[in-house]
Structure formats: C-alpha cells, structure tokens
Amino acid sequence: MALAADELLHTKNPVVDISYKYGYDSQQSFSRTFSRKYSLPPQAYRRMHQSHPA
C-alpha cells in the first residue's frame, strides 16, 4: 500500500490504474483498503499532500 500511496503523490496516474497495478479487482476495493490504512480515500490523500507553489 505504501507504493500505491507514493505513486498517488508522485504521478498523475488515475486511481483506477493504480488500483489495478497493485492487484485490486476494482477501484472501490482499493479505495476501501486505502482509506482504512490512511484515514482518507486516495483522491483526498493526493489532494491533501500536493505541494502548492507559493
């Protein structure tokens, strides 16, 4: 899951592509598992950790 989280932060790959890459059968299954570990769904995690230029 750490690799998927890293990919969310360092690429613009769609969540569905990341979920399949890491062996999940659906984006919903990936999002549910991700949310349990990180307390945020993948899209929110990506938005929250994006750097904002000053």
PDB file of N, CA and C in Angstrom:
ATOM      1  N   MET A   1       0.824  -1.195   0.000  1.00  0.00           N
ATOM      2  CA  MET A   1       0.000   0.000   0.000  1.00  0.00           C
ATOM      3  C   MET A   1       0.867   1.257   0.000  1.00  0.00           C
ATOM      4  N   ALA A   2       2.053   1.179   0.615  1.00  0.00           N
ATOM      5  CA  ALA A   2       2.949   2.338   0.638  1.00  0.00           C
ATOM      6  C   ALA A   2       3.394   2.714  -0.778  1.00  0.00           C
ATOM      7  N   LEU A   3       3.599   1.722  -1.627  1.00  0.00           N
ATOM      8  CA  LEU A   3       3.990   2.011  -3.015  1.00  0.00           C
ATOM      9  C   LEU A   3       2.854   2.706  -3.763  1.00  0.00           C
ATOM     10  N   ALA A   4       1.647   2.276  -3.527  1.00  0.00           N
ATOM     11  CA  ALA A   4       0.493   2.911  -4.155  1.00  0.00           C
ATOM     12  C   ALA A   4       0.346   4.356  -3.664  1.00  0.00           C
ATOM     13  N   ALA A   5       0.531   4.572  -2.374  1.00  0.00           N
ATOM     14  CA  ALA A   5       0.451   5.933  -1.818  1.00  0.00           C
ATOM     15  C   ALA A   5       1.520   6.821  -2.439  1.00  0.00           C
ATOM     16  N   ASP A   6       2.716   6.290  -2.584  1.00  0.00           N
ATOM     17  CA  ASP A   6       3.806   7.046  -3.199  1.00  0.00           C
ATOM     18  C   ASP A   6       3.472   7.391  -4.649  1.00  0.00           C
ATOM     19  N   GLU A   7       2.904   6.437  -5.360  1.00  0.00           N
ATOM     20  CA  GLU A   7       2.520   6.687  -6.747  1.00  0.00           C
ATOM     21  C   GLU A   7       1.422   7.746  -6.838  1.00  0.00           C
ATOM     22  N   LEU A   8       0.512   7.750  -5.905  1.00  0.00           N
ATOM     23  CA  LEU A   8      -0.522   8.787  -5.888  1.00  0.00           C
ATOM     24  C   LEU A   8       0.093  10.180  -5.772  1.00  0.00           C
ATOM     25  N   LEU A   9       1.141  10.274  -4.973  1.00  0.00           N
ATOM     26  CA  LEU A   9       1.751  11.581  -4.728  1.00  0.00           C
ATOM     27  C   LEU A   9       2.709  12.026  -5.834  1.00  0.00           C
ATOM     28  N   HIS A  10       3.307  11.081  -6.531  1.00  0.00           N
ATOM     29  CA  HIS A  10       4.368  11.436  -7.471  1.00  0.00           C
ATOM     30  C   HIS A  10       4.029  11.227  -8.933  1.00  0.00           C
ATOM     31  N   THR A  11       2.783  10.830  -9.211  1.00  0.00           N
ATOM     32  CA  THR A  11       2.340  10.701 -10.601  1.00  0.00           C
ATOM     33  C   THR A  11       0.939  11.295 -10.718  1.00  0.00           C
ATOM     34  N   LYS A  12       0.506  11.416 -11.936  1.00  0.00           N
ATOM     35  CA  LYS A  12      -0.872  11.845 -12.189  1.00  0.00           C
ATOM     36  C   LYS A  12      -1.706  10.664 -12.672  1.00  0.00           C
ATOM     37  N   ASN A  13      -1.191   9.450 -12.459  1.00  0.00           N
ATOM     38  CA  ASN A  13      -1.916   8.257 -12.887  1.00  0.00           C
ATOM     39  C   ASN A  13      -3.276   8.204 -12.208  1.00  0.00           C
ATOM     40  N   PRO A  14      -4.302   7.822 -12.957  1.00  0.00           N
ATOM     41  CA  PRO A  14      -5.633   7.697 -12.359  1.00  0.00           C
ATOM     42  C   PRO A  14      -5.645   6.638 -11.249  1.00  0.00           C
ATOM     43  N   VAL A  15      -6.475   6.854 -10.256  1.00  0.00           N
ATOM     44  CA  VAL A  15      -6.583   5.925  -9.130  1.00  0.00           C
ATOM     45  C   VAL A  15      -6.943   4.532  -9.625  1.00  0.00           C
ATOM     46  N   VAL A  16      -7.812   4.444 -10.614  1.00  0.00           N
ATOM     47  CA  VAL A  16      -8.209   3.125 -11.121  1.00  0.00           C
ATOM     48  C   VAL A  16      -7.000   2.376 -11.676  1.00  0.00           C
ATOM     49  N   ASP A  17      -6.107   3.062 -12.372  1.00  0.00           N
ATOM     50  CA  ASP A  17      -4.911   2.412 -12.906  1.00  0.00           C
ATOM     51  C   ASP A  17      -3.991   1.943 -11.786  1.00  0.00           C
ATOM     52  N   ILE A  18      -3.842   2.761 -10.762  1.00  0.00           N
ATOM     53  CA  ILE A  18      -3.003   2.400  -9.611  1.00  0.00           C
ATOM     54  C   ILE A  18      -3.615   1.191  -8.898  1.00  0.00           C
ATOM     55  N   SER A  19      -4.914   1.185  -8.760  1.00  0.00           N
ATOM     56  CA  SER A  19      -5.561   0.067  -8.060  1.00  0.00           C
ATOM     57  C   SER A  19      -5.327  -1.247  -8.802  1.00  0.00           C
ATOM     58  N   TYR A  20      -5.459  -1.262 -10.118  1.00  0.00           N
ATOM     59  CA  TYR A  20      -5.215  -2.491 -10.885  1.00  0.00           C
ATOM     60  C   TYR A  20      -3.739  -2.875 -10.858  1.00  0.00           C
ATOM     61  N   LYS A  21      -2.860  -1.891 -10.923  1.00  0.00           N
ATOM     62  CA  LYS A  21      -1.418  -2.160 -10.901  1.00  0.00           C
ATOM     63  C   LYS A  21      -1.009  -2.905  -9.634  1.00  0.00           C
ATOM     64  N   TYR A  22      -1.645  -2.582  -8.517  1.00  0.00           N
ATOM     65  CA  TYR A  22      -1.283  -3.199  -7.244  1.00  0.00           C
ATOM     66  C   TYR A  22      -2.205  -4.358  -6.856  1.00  0.00           C
ATOM     67  N   GLY A  23      -2.910  -4.902  -7.859  1.00  0.00           N
ATOM     68  CA  GLY A  23      -3.606  -6.166  -7.673  1.00  0.00           C
ATOM     69  C   GLY A  23      -5.029  -6.118  -7.171  1.00  0.00           C
ATOM     70  N   TYR A  24      -5.645  -4.954  -7.151  1.00  0.00           N
ATOM     71  CA  TYR A  24      -7.035  -4.861  -6.706  1.00  0.00           C
ATOM     72  C   TYR A  24      -7.968  -5.106  -7.877  1.00  0.00           C
ATOM     73  N   ASP A  25      -9.089  -5.747  -7.612  1.00  0.00           N
ATOM     74  CA  ASP A  25     -10.055  -6.075  -8.658  1.00  0.00           C
ATOM     75  C   ASP A  25     -10.905  -4.884  -9.070  1.00  0.00           C
ATOM     76  N   SER A  26     -10.958  -3.870  -8.203  1.00  0.00           N
ATOM     77  CA  SER A  26     -11.761  -2.692  -8.509  1.00  0.00           C
ATOM     78  C   SER A  26     -11.198  -1.482  -7.774  1.00  0.00           C
ATOM     79  N   GLN A  27     -11.546  -0.316  -8.285  1.00  0.00           N
ATOM     80  CA  GLN A  27     -11.143   0.920  -7.623  1.00  0.00           C
ATOM     81  C   GLN A  27     -11.805   1.021  -6.258  1.00  0.00           C
ATOM     82  N   GLN A  28     -13.033   0.528  -6.132  1.00  0.00           N
ATOM     83  CA  GLN A  28     -13.749   0.593  -4.862  1.00  0.00           C
ATOM     84  C   GLN A  28     -13.035  -0.224  -3.785  1.00  0.00           C
ATOM     85  N   SER A  29     -12.574  -1.400  -4.147  1.00  0.00           N
ATOM     86  CA  SER A  29     -11.860  -2.257  -3.201  1.00  0.00           C
ATOM     87  C   SER A  29     -10.554  -1.592  -2.761  1.00  0.00           C
ATOM     88  N   PHE A  30      -9.825  -1.039  -3.724  1.00  0.00           N
ATOM     89  CA  PHE A  30      -8.582  -0.324  -3.414  1.00  0.00           C
ATOM     90  C   PHE A  30      -8.862   0.873  -2.501  1.00  0.00           C
ATOM     91  N   SER A  31      -9.875   1.653  -2.835  1.00  0.00           N
ATOM     92  CA  SER A  31     -10.199   2.850  -2.054  1.00  0.00           C
ATOM     93  C   SER A  31     -10.591   2.499  -0.623  1.00  0.00           C
ATOM     94  N   ARG A  32     -11.341   1.425  -0.455  1.00  0.00           N
ATOM     95  CA  ARG A  32     -11.748   0.988   0.873  1.00  0.00           C
ATOM     96  C   ARG A  32     -10.530   0.595   1.715  1.00  0.00           C
ATOM     97  N   THR A  33      -9.630  -0.188   1.126  1.00  0.00           N
ATOM     98  CA  THR A  33      -8.415  -0.618   1.832  1.00  0.00           C
ATOM     99  C   THR A  33      -7.505   0.569   2.115  1.00  0.00           C
ATOM    100  N   PHE A  34      -7.351   1.455   1.138  1.00  0.00           N
ATOM    101  CA  PHE A  34      -6.513   2.640   1.297  1.00  0.00           C
ATOM    102  C   PHE A  34      -7.056   3.518   2.424  1.00  0.00           C
ATOM    103  N   SER A  35      -8.363   3.704   2.444  1.00  0.00           N
ATOM    104  CA  SER A  35      -8.996   4.546   3.462  1.00  0.00           C
ATOM    105  C   SER A  35      -8.796   3.992   4.867  1.00  0.00           C
ATOM    106  N   ARG A  36      -8.826   2.675   5.000  1.00  0.00           N
ATOM    107  CA  ARG A  36      -8.598   2.065   6.315  1.00  0.00           C
ATOM    108  C   ARG A  36      -7.181   2.348   6.810  1.00  0.00           C
ATOM    109  N   LYS A  37      -6.218   2.301   5.910  1.00  0.00           N
ATOM    110  CA  LYS A  37      -4.824   2.492   6.305  1.00  0.00           C
ATOM    111  C   LYS A  37      -4.474   3.969   6.517  1.00  0.00           C
ATOM    112  N   TYR A  38      -4.943   4.841   5.636  1.00  0.00           N
ATOM    113  CA  TYR A  38      -4.531   6.251   5.654  1.00  0.00           C
ATOM    114  C   TYR A  38      -5.609   7.212   6.158  1.00  0.00           C
ATOM    115  N   SER A  39      -6.760   6.710   6.521  1.00  0.00           N
ATOM    116  CA  SER A  39      -7.877   7.513   7.027  1.00  0.00           C
ATOM    117  C   SER A  39      -8.393   8.545   6.041  1.00  0.00           C
ATOM    118  N   LEU A  40      -8.074   8.355   4.774  1.00  0.00           N
ATOM    119  CA  LEU A  40      -8.574   9.210   3.694  1.00  0.00           C
ATOM    120  C   LEU A  40      -8.705   8.362   2.435  1.00  0.00           C
ATOM    121  N   PRO A  41      -9.679   8.651   1.595  1.00  0.00           N
ATOM    122  CA  PRO A  41      -9.711   7.972   0.302  1.00  0.00           C
ATOM    123  C   PRO A  41      -8.533   8.448  -0.560  1.00  0.00           C
ATOM    124  N   PRO A  42      -8.146   7.662  -1.554  1.00  0.00           N
ATOM    125  CA  PRO A  42      -6.966   8.009  -2.362  1.00  0.00           C
ATOM    126  C   PRO A  42      -6.996   9.412  -2.967  1.00  0.00           C
ATOM    127  N   GLN A  43      -8.138   9.818  -3.504  1.00  0.00           N
ATOM    128  CA  GLN A  43      -8.216  11.137  -4.141  1.00  0.00           C
ATOM    129  C   GLN A  43      -7.970  12.246  -3.130  1.00  0.00           C
ATOM    130  N   ALA A  44      -8.542  12.125  -1.940  1.00  0.00           N
ATOM    131  CA  ALA A  44      -8.353  13.136  -0.898  1.00  0.00           C
ATOM    132  C   ALA A  44      -6.911  13.137  -0.407  1.00  0.00           C
ATOM    133  N   TYR A  45      -6.309  11.962  -0.280  1.00  0.00           N
ATOM    134  CA  TYR A  45      -4.905  11.840   0.127  1.00  0.00           C
ATOM    135  C   TYR A  45      -4.009  12.573  -0.872  1.00  0.00           C
ATOM    136  N   ARG A  46      -4.261  12.370  -2.147  1.00  0.00           N
ATOM    137  CA  ARG A  46      -3.479  13.030  -3.208  1.00  0.00           C
ATOM    138  C   ARG A  46      -3.629  14.548  -3.110  1.00  0.00           C
ATOM    139  N   ARG A  47      -4.872  15.023  -2.993  1.00  0.00           N
ATOM    140  CA  ARG A  47      -5.103  16.481  -2.903  1.00  0.00           C
ATOM    141  C   ARG A  47      -4.449  17.076  -1.672  1.00  0.00           C
ATOM    142  N   MET A  48      -4.578  16.403  -0.547  1.00  0.00           N
ATOM    143  CA  MET A  48      -4.074  16.923   0.719  1.00  0.00           C
ATOM    144  C   MET A  48      -2.548  17.017   0.738  1.00  0.00           C
ATOM    145  N   HIS A  49      -1.890  16.138   0.019  1.00  0.00           N
ATOM    146  CA  HIS A  49      -0.422  16.091   0.047  1.00  0.00           C
ATOM    147  C   HIS A  49       0.236  16.750  -1.157  1.00  0.00           C
ATOM    148  N   GLN A  50      -0.543  17.343  -2.027  1.00  0.00           N
ATOM    149  CA  GLN A  50       0.048  18.045  -3.167  1.00  0.00           C
ATOM    150  C   GLN A  50       0.730  19.307  -2.659  1.00  0.00           C
ATOM    151  N   SER A  51       1.865  19.577  -3.230  1.00  0.00           N
ATOM    152  CA  SER A  51       2.543  20.820  -2.853  1.00  0.00           C
ATOM    153  C   SER A  51       1.941  21.970  -3.643  1.00  0.00           C
ATOM    154  N   HIS A  52       1.775  23.068  -2.957  1.00  0.00           N
ATOM    155  CA  HIS A  52       1.212  24.260  -3.586  1.00  0.00           C
ATOM    156  C   HIS A  52       2.303  25.317  -3.704  1.00  0.00           C
ATOM    157  N   PRO A  53       2.649  25.693  -4.948  1.00  0.00           N
ATOM    158  CA  PRO A  53       3.694  26.705  -5.098  1.00  0.00           C
ATOM    159  C   PRO A  53       3.288  28.033  -4.466  1.00  0.00           C
ATOM    160  N   ALA A  54       4.235  28.703  -3.881  1.00  0.00           N
ATOM    161  CA  ALA A  54       3.987  29.991  -3.216  1.00  0.00           C
ATOM    162  C   ALA A  54       3.848  31.115  -4.201  1.00  0.00           C
TER     163      ALA A  54
END
